């Protein structure tokens, strides 16, 4: 397990260098609660994404959130890596611990 800057523990497969933004920063950008407990609850509530569903296409985003996520991935912008990391978290089925 690894811990991000918000103090959230994530499986090692999700850890990567995020040059400019943390997962907490992304949640703030999306207008969502960005504390560790809120992020963990969000991931637990929305995981796993159905197979083949991109993170930006998940049904729980508002239109503006989905648009932001799509644009960041499409343009490989500076948020793209952390968006990919969130996608990996949401695609991974919980192992129970």
PDB file of N, CA and C in Angstrom:
ATOM      1  N   UNK A   1       0.840  -1.172   0.000  1.00  0.00           N
ATOM      2  CA  UNK A   1       0.000   0.000   0.000  1.00  0.00           C
ATOM      3  C   UNK A   1       0.890   1.242   0.000  1.00  0.00           C
ATOM      4  N   UNK A   2       0.392   2.256  -0.635  1.00  0.00           N
ATOM      5  CA  UNK A   2       1.066   3.544  -0.666  1.00  0.00           C
ATOM      6  C   UNK A   2       0.083   4.609  -0.218  1.00  0.00           C
ATOM      7  N   UNK A   3       0.610   5.711   0.227  1.00  0.00           N
ATOM      8  CA  UNK A   3      -0.231   6.792   0.741  1.00  0.00           C
ATOM      9  C   UNK A   3      -0.005   8.036  -0.115  1.00  0.00           C
ATOM     10  N   UNK A   4      -1.124   8.674  -0.548  1.00  0.00           N
ATOM     11  CA  UNK A   4      -0.972   9.898  -1.336  1.00  0.00           C
ATOM     12  C   UNK A   4      -0.888  11.096  -0.407  1.00  0.00           C
ATOM     13  N   UNK A   5      -0.795  12.299  -0.983  1.00  0.00           N
ATOM     14  CA  UNK A   5      -0.585  13.499  -0.179  1.00  0.00           C
ATOM     15  C   UNK A   5      -1.757  13.817   0.738  1.00  0.00           C
ATOM     16  N   UNK A   6      -2.928  13.222   0.469  1.00  0.00           N
ATOM     17  CA  UNK A   6      -4.080  13.429   1.344  1.00  0.00           C
ATOM     18  C   UNK A   6      -4.123  12.395   2.460  1.00  0.00           C
ATOM     19  N   UNK A   7      -3.141  11.498   2.467  1.00  0.00           N
ATOM     20  CA  UNK A   7      -3.100  10.474   3.499  1.00  0.00           C
ATOM     21  C   UNK A   7      -3.969   9.272   3.183  1.00  0.00           C
ATOM     22  N   UNK A   8      -4.313   9.080   1.908  1.00  0.00           N
ATOM     23  CA  UNK A   8      -5.161   7.962   1.504  1.00  0.00           C
ATOM     24  C   UNK A   8      -4.272   6.799   1.114  1.00  0.00           C
ATOM     25  N   UNK A   9      -4.594   5.616   1.625  1.00  0.00           N
ATOM     26  CA  UNK A   9      -3.864   4.411   1.260  1.00  0.00           C
ATOM     27  C   UNK A   9      -4.440   3.831  -0.019  1.00  0.00           C
ATOM     28  N   UNK A  10      -3.568   3.532  -0.979  1.00  0.00           N
ATOM     29  CA  UNK A  10      -3.960   2.944  -2.238  1.00  0.00           C
ATOM     30  C   UNK A  10      -3.092   1.732  -2.526  1.00  0.00           C
ATOM     31  N   UNK A  11      -3.649   0.743  -3.225  1.00  0.00           N
ATOM     32  CA  UNK A  11      -2.819  -0.396  -3.630  1.00  0.00           C
ATOM     33  C   UNK A  11      -1.640   0.092  -4.460  1.00  0.00           C
ATOM     34  N   UNK A  12      -0.533  -0.633  -4.400  1.00  0.00           N
ATOM     35  CA  UNK A  12       0.673  -0.206  -5.091  1.00  0.00           C
ATOM     36  C   UNK A  12       0.486  -0.063  -6.589  1.00  0.00           C
ATOM     37  N   UNK A  13      -0.447  -0.810  -7.200  1.00  0.00           N
ATOM     38  CA  UNK A  13      -0.646  -0.682  -8.638  1.00  0.00           C
ATOM     39  C   UNK A  13      -1.135   0.702  -9.022  1.00  0.00           C
ATOM     40  N   UNK A  14      -1.632   1.476  -8.072  1.00  0.00           N
ATOM     41  CA  UNK A  14      -2.176   2.801  -8.364  1.00  0.00           C
ATOM     42  C   UNK A  14      -1.165   3.905  -8.165  1.00  0.00           C
ATOM     43  N   UNK A  15      -0.018   3.598  -7.635  1.00  0.00           N
ATOM     44  CA  UNK A  15       0.929   4.665  -7.337  1.00  0.00           C
ATOM     45  C   UNK A  15       1.732   5.013  -8.573  1.00  0.00           C
ATOM     46  N   UNK A  16       1.889   6.277  -8.794  1.00  0.00           N
ATOM     47  CA  UNK A  16       2.718   6.781  -9.871  1.00  0.00           C
ATOM     48  C   UNK A  16       3.094   8.205  -9.519  1.00  0.00           C
ATOM     49  N   UNK A  17       4.113   8.680 -10.164  1.00  0.00           N
ATOM     50  CA  UNK A  17       4.509  10.064  -9.962  1.00  0.00           C
ATOM     51  C   UNK A  17       3.464  10.970 -10.615  1.00  0.00           C
ATOM     52  N   UNK A  18       2.889  11.863  -9.849  1.00  0.00           N
ATOM     53  CA  UNK A  18       1.942  12.826 -10.376  1.00  0.00           C
ATOM     54  C   UNK A  18       2.609  14.192 -10.282  1.00  0.00           C
ATOM     55  N   UNK A  19       3.090  14.689 -11.407  1.00  0.00           N
ATOM     56  CA  UNK A  19       3.988  15.833 -11.350  1.00  0.00           C
ATOM     57  C   UNK A  19       3.376  17.111 -10.792  1.00  0.00           C
ATOM     58  N   UNK A  20       2.108  17.370 -11.069  1.00  0.00           N
ATOM     59  CA  UNK A  20       1.564  18.656 -10.679  1.00  0.00           C
ATOM     60  C   UNK A  20       0.369  18.568  -9.745  1.00  0.00           C
ATOM     61  N   UNK A  21      -0.348  17.466  -9.749  1.00  0.00           N
ATOM     62  CA  UNK A  21      -1.612  17.407  -9.038  1.00  0.00           C
ATOM     63  C   UNK A  21      -1.754  16.100  -8.272  1.00  0.00           C
ATOM     64  N   UNK A  22      -2.408  16.194  -7.132  1.00  0.00           N
ATOM     65  CA  UNK A  22      -2.718  15.003  -6.341  1.00  0.00           C
ATOM     66  C   UNK A  22      -4.175  14.618  -6.578  1.00  0.00           C
ATOM     67  N   UNK A  23      -4.562  13.483  -6.067  1.00  0.00           N
ATOM     68  CA  UNK A  23      -5.945  13.060  -6.141  1.00  0.00           C
ATOM     69  C   UNK A  23      -6.842  14.057  -5.408  1.00  0.00           C
ATOM     70  N   UNK A  24      -6.378  14.579  -4.299  1.00  0.00           N
ATOM     71  CA  UNK A  24      -7.128  15.601  -3.567  1.00  0.00           C
ATOM     72  C   UNK A  24      -7.338  16.846  -4.421  1.00  0.00           C
ATOM     73  N   UNK A  25      -6.290  17.234  -5.153  1.00  0.00           N
ATOM     74  CA  UNK A  25      -6.411  18.389  -6.050  1.00  0.00           C
ATOM     75  C   UNK A  25      -7.482  18.141  -7.110  1.00  0.00           C
ATOM     76  N   UNK A  26      -7.509  16.932  -7.652  1.00  0.00           N
ATOM     77  CA  UNK A  26      -8.500  16.591  -8.670  1.00  0.00           C
ATOM     78  C   UNK A  26      -9.911  16.684  -8.106  1.00  0.00           C
ATOM     79  N   UNK A  27     -10.113  16.152  -6.918  1.00  0.00           N
ATOM     80  CA  UNK A  27     -11.443  16.221  -6.314  1.00  0.00           C
ATOM     81  C   UNK A  27     -11.857  17.672  -6.077  1.00  0.00           C
ATOM     82  N   UNK A  28     -10.922  18.508  -5.655  1.00  0.00           N
ATOM     83  CA  UNK A  28     -11.230  19.932  -5.495  1.00  0.00           C
ATOM     84  C   UNK A  28     -11.607  20.543  -6.840  1.00  0.00           C
ATOM     85  N   UNK A  29     -10.856  20.207  -7.885  1.00  0.00           N
ATOM     86  CA  UNK A  29     -11.128  20.728  -9.222  1.00  0.00           C
ATOM     87  C   UNK A  29     -12.520  20.314  -9.699  1.00  0.00           C
ATOM     88  N   UNK A  30     -12.946  19.111  -9.315  1.00  0.00           N
ATOM     89  CA  UNK A  30     -14.264  18.605  -9.699  1.00  0.00           C
ATOM     90  C   UNK A  30     -15.382  19.123  -8.792  1.00  0.00           C
ATOM     91  N   UNK A  31     -15.016  19.891  -7.772  1.00  0.00           N
ATOM     92  CA  UNK A  31     -16.014  20.446  -6.865  1.00  0.00           C
ATOM     93  C   UNK A  31     -16.526  19.443  -5.853  1.00  0.00           C
ATOM     94  N   UNK A  32     -15.710  18.446  -5.562  1.00  0.00           N
ATOM     95  CA  UNK A  32     -16.084  17.388  -4.619  1.00  0.00           C
ATOM     96  C   UNK A  32     -15.286  17.527  -3.334  1.00  0.00           C
ATOM     97  N   UNK A  33     -15.800  16.990  -2.231  1.00  0.00           N
ATOM     98  CA  UNK A  33     -15.018  16.993  -0.994  1.00  0.00           C
ATOM     99  C   UNK A  33     -13.678  16.295  -1.241  1.00  0.00           C
ATOM    100  N   UNK A  34     -12.610  16.896  -0.778  1.00  0.00           N
ATOM    101  CA  UNK A  34     -11.276  16.424  -1.128  1.00  0.00           C
ATOM    102  C   UNK A  34     -10.483  15.874   0.054  1.00  0.00           C
ATOM    103  N   UNK A  35     -11.140  15.700   1.204  1.00  0.00           N
ATOM    104  CA  UNK A  35     -10.421  15.120   2.335  1.00  0.00           C
ATOM    105  C   UNK A  35     -10.319  13.603   2.137  1.00  0.00           C
ATOM    106  N   UNK A  36      -9.403  12.987   2.841  1.00  0.00           N
ATOM    107  CA  UNK A  36      -9.121  11.567   2.663  1.00  0.00           C
ATOM    108  C   UNK A  36     -10.362  10.697   2.847  1.00  0.00           C
ATOM    109  N   UNK A  37     -11.134  10.940   3.885  1.00  0.00           N
ATOM    110  CA  UNK A  37     -12.316  10.118   4.157  1.00  0.00           C
ATOM    111  C   UNK A  37     -13.347  10.249   3.039  1.00  0.00           C
ATOM    112  N   UNK A  38     -13.526  11.449   2.523  1.00  0.00           N
ATOM    113  CA  UNK A  38     -14.495  11.657   1.442  1.00  0.00           C
ATOM    114  C   UNK A  38     -14.054  10.983   0.152  1.00  0.00           C
ATOM    115  N   UNK A  39     -12.762  11.056  -0.156  1.00  0.00           N
ATOM    116  CA  UNK A  39     -12.262  10.398  -1.368  1.00  0.00           C
ATOM    117  C   UNK A  39     -12.402   8.892  -1.239  1.00  0.00           C
ATOM    118  N   UNK A  40     -12.038   8.348  -0.086  1.00  0.00           N
ATOM    119  CA  UNK A  40     -12.175   6.904   0.123  1.00  0.00           C
ATOM    120  C   UNK A  40     -13.630   6.479  -0.006  1.00  0.00           C
ATOM    121  N   UNK A  41     -14.546   7.263   0.552  1.00  0.00           N
ATOM    122  CA  UNK A  41     -15.971   6.942   0.461  1.00  0.00           C
ATOM    123  C   UNK A  41     -16.455   7.009  -0.984  1.00  0.00           C
ATOM    124  N   UNK A  42     -16.014   8.018  -1.722  1.00  0.00           N
ATOM    125  CA  UNK A  42     -16.399   8.157  -3.128  1.00  0.00           C
ATOM    126  C   UNK A  42     -15.956   6.936  -3.925  1.00  0.00           C
ATOM    127  N   UNK A  43     -14.699   6.555  -3.760  1.00  0.00           N
ATOM    128  CA  UNK A  43     -14.168   5.407  -4.498  1.00  0.00           C
ATOM    129  C   UNK A  43     -14.916   4.137  -4.103  1.00  0.00           C
ATOM    130  N   UNK A  44     -15.141   3.941  -2.821  1.00  0.00           N
ATOM    131  CA  UNK A  44     -15.851   2.742  -2.363  1.00  0.00           C
ATOM    132  C   UNK A  44     -17.280   2.695  -2.897  1.00  0.00           C
ATOM    133  N   UNK A  45     -17.919   3.836  -2.978  1.00  0.00           N
ATOM    134  CA  UNK A  45     -19.296   3.908  -3.456  1.00  0.00           C
ATOM    135  C   UNK A  45     -19.400   3.626  -4.949  1.00  0.00           C
ATOM    136  N   UNK A  46     -18.436   4.092  -5.730  1.00  0.00           N
ATOM    137  CA  UNK A  46     -18.547   4.035  -7.184  1.00  0.00           C
ATOM    138  C   UNK A  46     -17.723   2.938  -7.833  1.00  0.00           C
ATOM    139  N   UNK A  47     -17.012   2.176  -7.072  1.00  0.00           N
ATOM    140  CA  UNK A  47     -16.180   1.095  -7.596  1.00  0.00           C
ATOM    141  C   UNK A  47     -16.949  -0.202  -7.555  1.00  0.00           C
ATOM    142  N   UNK A  48     -16.771  -1.078  -8.506  1.00  0.00           N
ATOM    143  CA  UNK A  48     -15.970  -0.948  -9.725  1.00  0.00           C
ATOM    144  C   UNK A  48     -16.795  -0.379 -10.868  1.00  0.00           C
ATOM    145  N   UNK A  49     -16.107   0.342 -11.749  1.00  0.00           N
ATOM    146  CA  UNK A  49     -16.750   0.775 -12.981  1.00  0.00           C
ATOM    147  C   UNK A  49     -17.035  -0.459 -13.827  1.00  0.00           C
ATOM    148  N   UNK A  50     -18.132  -0.457 -14.570  1.00  0.00           N
ATOM    149  CA  UNK A  50     -18.371  -1.588 -15.475  1.00  0.00           C
ATOM    150  C   UNK A  50     -17.222  -1.723 -16.468  1.00  0.00           C
ATOM    151  N   UNK A  51     -16.918  -2.939 -16.835  1.00  0.00           N
ATOM    152  CA  UNK A  51     -15.836  -3.182 -17.774  1.00  0.00           C
ATOM    153  C   UNK A  51     -16.091  -2.407 -19.067  1.00  0.00           C
ATOM    154  N   UNK A  52     -15.058  -1.753 -19.553  1.00  0.00           N
ATOM    155  CA  UNK A  52     -15.157  -0.998 -20.791  1.00  0.00           C
ATOM    156  C   UNK A  52     -15.662   0.426 -20.639  1.00  0.00           C
ATOM    157  N   UNK A  53     -16.029   0.836 -19.419  1.00  0.00           N
ATOM    158  CA  UNK A  53     -16.507   2.202 -19.192  1.00  0.00           C
ATOM    159  C   UNK A  53     -15.331   3.069 -18.747  1.00  0.00           C
ATOM    160  N   UNK A  54     -15.054   4.093 -19.521  1.00  0.00           N
ATOM    161  CA  UNK A  54     -13.980   5.024 -19.173  1.00  0.00           C
ATOM    162  C   UNK A  54     -14.411   5.861 -17.976  1.00  0.00           C
ATOM    163  N   UNK A  55     -13.449   6.310 -17.212  1.00  0.00           N
ATOM    164  CA  UNK A  55     -13.767   7.082 -16.010  1.00  0.00           C
ATOM    165  C   UNK A  55     -14.638   8.288 -16.343  1.00  0.00           C
ATOM    166  N   UNK A  56     -14.366   8.971 -17.441  1.00  0.00           N
ATOM    167  CA  UNK A  56     -15.150  10.159 -17.803  1.00  0.00           C
ATOM    168  C   UNK A  56     -16.570   9.817 -18.239  1.00  0.00           C
ATOM    169  N   UNK A  57     -16.806   8.573 -18.604  1.00  0.00           N
ATOM    170  CA  UNK A  57     -18.132   8.147 -19.056  1.00  0.00           C
ATOM    171  C   UNK A  57     -18.981   7.550 -17.946  1.00  0.00           C
ATOM    172  N   UNK A  58     -18.459   7.530 -16.750  1.00  0.00           N
ATOM    173  CA  UNK A  58     -19.211   6.982 -15.621  1.00  0.00           C
ATOM    174  C   UNK A  58     -20.463   7.832 -15.386  1.00  0.00           C
ATOM    175  N   UNK A  59     -21.560   7.204 -15.008  1.00  0.00           N
ATOM    176  CA  UNK A  59     -22.830   7.925 -14.904  1.00  0.00           C
ATOM    177  C   UNK A  59     -22.950   8.877 -13.720  1.00  0.00           C
ATOM    178  N   UNK A  60     -22.017   8.837 -12.798  1.00  0.00           N
ATOM    179  CA  UNK A  60     -22.160   9.650 -11.583  1.00  0.00           C
ATOM    180  C   UNK A  60     -21.598  11.063 -11.714  1.00  0.00           C
ATOM    181  N   UNK A  61     -20.931  11.389 -12.820  1.00  0.00           N
ATOM    182  CA  UNK A  61     -20.400  12.735 -13.004  1.00  0.00           C
ATOM    183  C   UNK A  61     -21.481  13.681 -13.503  1.00  0.00           C
ATOM    184  N   UNK A  62     -21.342  14.944 -13.143  1.00  0.00           N
ATOM    185  CA  UNK A  62     -22.184  15.965 -13.769  1.00  0.00           C
ATOM    186  C   UNK A  62     -21.651  16.164 -15.190  1.00  0.00           C
ATOM    187  N   UNK A  63     -22.435  16.766 -16.071  1.00  0.00           N
ATOM    188  CA  UNK A  63     -21.926  17.016 -17.427  1.00  0.00           C
ATOM    189  C   UNK A  63     -20.615  17.810 -17.442  1.00  0.00           C
ATOM    190  N   UNK A  64     -20.492  18.808 -16.588  1.00  0.00           N
ATOM    191  CA  UNK A  64     -19.262  19.605 -16.586  1.00  0.00           C
ATOM    192  C   UNK A  64     -18.072  18.809 -16.039  1.00  0.00           C
ATOM    193  N   UNK A  65     -18.295  17.967 -15.030  1.00  0.00           N
ATOM    194  CA  UNK A  65     -17.214  17.122 -14.523  1.00  0.00           C
ATOM    195  C   UNK A  65     -16.749  16.152 -15.605  1.00  0.00           C
ATOM    196  N   UNK A  66     -17.694  15.506 -16.276  1.00  0.00           N
ATOM    197  CA  UNK A  66     -17.363  14.541 -17.331  1.00  0.00           C
ATOM    198  C   UNK A  66     -16.600  15.232 -18.465  1.00  0.00           C
ATOM    199  N   UNK A  67     -17.033  16.423 -18.832  1.00  0.00           N
ATOM    200  CA  UNK A  67     -16.363  17.168 -19.899  1.00  0.00           C
ATOM    201  C   UNK A  67     -14.916  17.479 -19.502  1.00  0.00           C
ATOM    202  N   UNK A  68     -14.720  17.928 -18.272  1.00  0.00           N
ATOM    203  CA  UNK A  68     -13.370  18.218 -17.791  1.00  0.00           C
ATOM    204  C   UNK A  68     -12.494  16.967 -17.875  1.00  0.00           C
ATOM    205  N   UNK A  69     -12.995  15.852 -17.374  1.00  0.00           N
ATOM    206  CA  UNK A  69     -12.220  14.613 -17.383  1.00  0.00           C
ATOM    207  C   UNK A  69     -11.880  14.186 -18.810  1.00  0.00           C
ATOM    208  N   UNK A  70     -12.859  14.242 -19.704  1.00  0.00           N
ATOM    209  CA  UNK A  70     -12.631  13.866 -21.108  1.00  0.00           C
ATOM    210  C   UNK A  70     -11.567  14.759 -21.752  1.00  0.00           C
ATOM    211  N   UNK A  71     -11.688  16.056 -21.541  1.00  0.00           N
ATOM    212  CA  UNK A  71     -10.737  16.991 -22.144  1.00  0.00           C
ATOM    213  C   UNK A  71      -9.320  16.763 -21.632  1.00  0.00           C
ATOM    214  N   UNK A  72      -9.189  16.523 -20.350  1.00  0.00           N
ATOM    215  CA  UNK A  72      -7.857  16.313 -19.787  1.00  0.00           C
ATOM    216  C   UNK A  72      -7.201  15.065 -20.361  1.00  0.00           C
ATOM    217  N   UNK A  73      -7.982  13.999 -20.515  1.00  0.00           N
ATOM    218  CA  UNK A  73      -7.445  12.768 -21.091  1.00  0.00           C
ATOM    219  C   UNK A  73      -7.146  12.968 -22.574  1.00  0.00           C
ATOM    220  N   UNK A  74      -8.098  13.529 -23.313  1.00  0.00           N
ATOM    221  CA  UNK A  74      -7.944  13.699 -24.764  1.00  0.00           C
ATOM    222  C   UNK A  74      -6.722  14.558 -25.085  1.00  0.00           C
ATOM    223  N   UNK A  75      -6.532  15.616 -24.317  1.00  0.00           N
ATOM    224  CA  UNK A  75      -5.434  16.543 -24.588  1.00  0.00           C
ATOM    225  C   UNK A  75      -4.144  16.135 -23.892  1.00  0.00           C
ATOM    226  N   UNK A  76      -4.183  15.027 -23.147  1.00  0.00           N
ATOM    227  CA  UNK A  76      -3.033  14.590 -22.357  1.00  0.00           C
ATOM    228  C   UNK A  76      -2.494  15.769 -21.545  1.00  0.00           C
ATOM    229  N   UNK A  77      -3.428  16.513 -20.964  1.00  0.00           N
ATOM    230  CA  UNK A  77      -3.104  17.714 -20.196  1.00  0.00           C
ATOM    231  C   UNK A  77      -2.481  17.335 -18.854  1.00  0.00           C
ATOM    232  N   UNK A  78      -2.127  18.351 -18.072  1.00  0.00           N
ATOM    233  CA  UNK A  78      -1.405  18.080 -16.833  1.00  0.00           C
ATOM    234  C   UNK A  78      -2.246  17.361 -15.781  1.00  0.00           C
ATOM    235  N   UNK A  79      -3.563  17.293 -15.951  1.00  0.00           N
ATOM    236  CA  UNK A  79      -4.403  16.520 -15.037  1.00  0.00           C
ATOM    237  C   UNK A  79      -4.541  15.065 -15.491  1.00  0.00           C
ATOM    238  N   UNK A  80      -4.088  14.737 -16.690  1.00  0.00           N
ATOM    239  CA  UNK A  80      -4.362  13.425 -17.287  1.00  0.00           C
ATOM    240  C   UNK A  80      -3.869  12.266 -16.416  1.00  0.00           C
ATOM    241  N   UNK A  81      -2.691  12.384 -15.856  1.00  0.00           N
ATOM    242  CA  UNK A  81      -2.154  11.274 -15.061  1.00  0.00           C
ATOM    243  C   UNK A  81      -2.996  10.997 -13.824  1.00  0.00           C
ATOM    244  N   UNK A  82      -3.424  12.042 -13.132  1.00  0.00           N
ATOM    245  CA  UNK A  82      -4.217  11.826 -11.923  1.00  0.00           C
ATOM    246  C   UNK A  82      -5.632  11.351 -12.292  1.00  0.00           C
ATOM    247  N   UNK A  83      -6.159  11.792 -13.451  1.00  0.00           N
ATOM    248  CA  UNK A  83      -7.442  11.272 -13.923  1.00  0.00           C
ATOM    249  C   UNK A  83      -7.304   9.781 -14.218  1.00  0.00           C
ATOM    250  N   UNK A  84      -6.214   9.386 -14.859  1.00  0.00           N
ATOM    251  CA  UNK A  84      -5.958   7.965 -15.107  1.00  0.00           C
ATOM    252  C   UNK A  84      -5.851   7.182 -13.798  1.00  0.00           C
ATOM    253  N   UNK A  85      -5.201   7.773 -12.823  1.00  0.00           N
ATOM    254  CA  UNK A  85      -5.057   7.120 -11.526  1.00  0.00           C
ATOM    255  C   UNK A  85      -6.421   6.914 -10.870  1.00  0.00           C
ATOM    256  N   UNK A  86      -7.285   7.932 -10.953  1.00  0.00           N
ATOM    257  CA  UNK A  86      -8.637   7.792 -10.422  1.00  0.00           C
ATOM    258  C   UNK A  86      -9.385   6.696 -11.175  1.00  0.00           C
ATOM    259  N   UNK A  87      -9.218   6.654 -12.485  1.00  0.00           N
ATOM    260  CA  UNK A  87      -9.845   5.600 -13.271  1.00  0.00           C
ATOM    261  C   UNK A  87      -9.394   4.220 -12.833  1.00  0.00           C
ATOM    262  N   UNK A  88      -8.116   4.083 -12.537  1.00  0.00           N
ATOM    263  CA  UNK A  88      -7.599   2.799 -12.067  1.00  0.00           C
ATOM    264  C   UNK A  88      -8.204   2.424 -10.723  1.00  0.00           C
ATOM    265  N   UNK A  89      -8.327   3.396  -9.840  1.00  0.00           N
ATOM    266  CA  UNK A  89      -8.946   3.142  -8.525  1.00  0.00           C
ATOM    267  C   UNK A  89     -10.388   2.700  -8.678  1.00  0.00           C
ATOM    268  N   UNK A  90     -11.118   3.370  -9.572  1.00  0.00           N
ATOM    269  CA  UNK A  90     -12.536   3.058  -9.752  1.00  0.00           C
ATOM    270  C   UNK A  90     -12.750   1.769 -10.517  1.00  0.00           C
ATOM    271  N   UNK A  91     -11.768   1.344 -11.298  1.00  0.00           N
ATOM    272  CA  UNK A  91     -11.905   0.110 -12.069  1.00  0.00           C
ATOM    273  C   UNK A  91     -11.527  -1.110 -11.254  1.00  0.00           C
ATOM    274  N   UNK A  92     -10.778  -0.922 -10.217  1.00  0.00           N
ATOM    275  CA  UNK A  92     -10.274  -2.025  -9.407  1.00  0.00           C
ATOM    276  C   UNK A  92     -11.333  -2.488  -8.414  1.00  0.00           C
ATOM    277  N   UNK A  93     -11.594  -3.791  -8.427  1.00  0.00           N
ATOM    278  CA  UNK A  93     -12.545  -4.328  -7.450  1.00  0.00           C
ATOM    279  C   UNK A  93     -11.856  -4.410  -6.097  1.00  0.00           C
ATOM    280  N   UNK A  94     -12.589  -4.060  -5.069  1.00  0.00           N
ATOM    281  CA  UNK A  94     -12.043  -4.085  -3.715  1.00  0.00           C
ATOM    282  C   UNK A  94     -11.666  -5.508  -3.333  1.00  0.00           C
ATOM    283  N   UNK A  95     -10.486  -5.619  -2.749  1.00  0.00           N
ATOM    284  CA  UNK A  95     -10.027  -6.921  -2.293  1.00  0.00           C
ATOM    285  C   UNK A  95     -10.378  -7.175  -0.845  1.00  0.00           C
ATOM    286  N   UNK A  96     -11.175  -6.319  -0.256  1.00  0.00           N
ATOM    287  CA  UNK A  96     -11.592  -6.513   1.117  1.00  0.00           C
ATOM    288  C   UNK A  96     -10.599  -6.005   2.137  1.00  0.00           C
ATOM    289  N   UNK A  97      -9.629  -5.212   1.704  1.00  0.00           N
ATOM    290  CA  UNK A  97      -8.744  -4.697   2.702  1.00  0.00           C
ATOM    291  C   UNK A  97      -7.669  -3.961   2.102  1.00  0.00           C
TER     292      UNK A  97
END
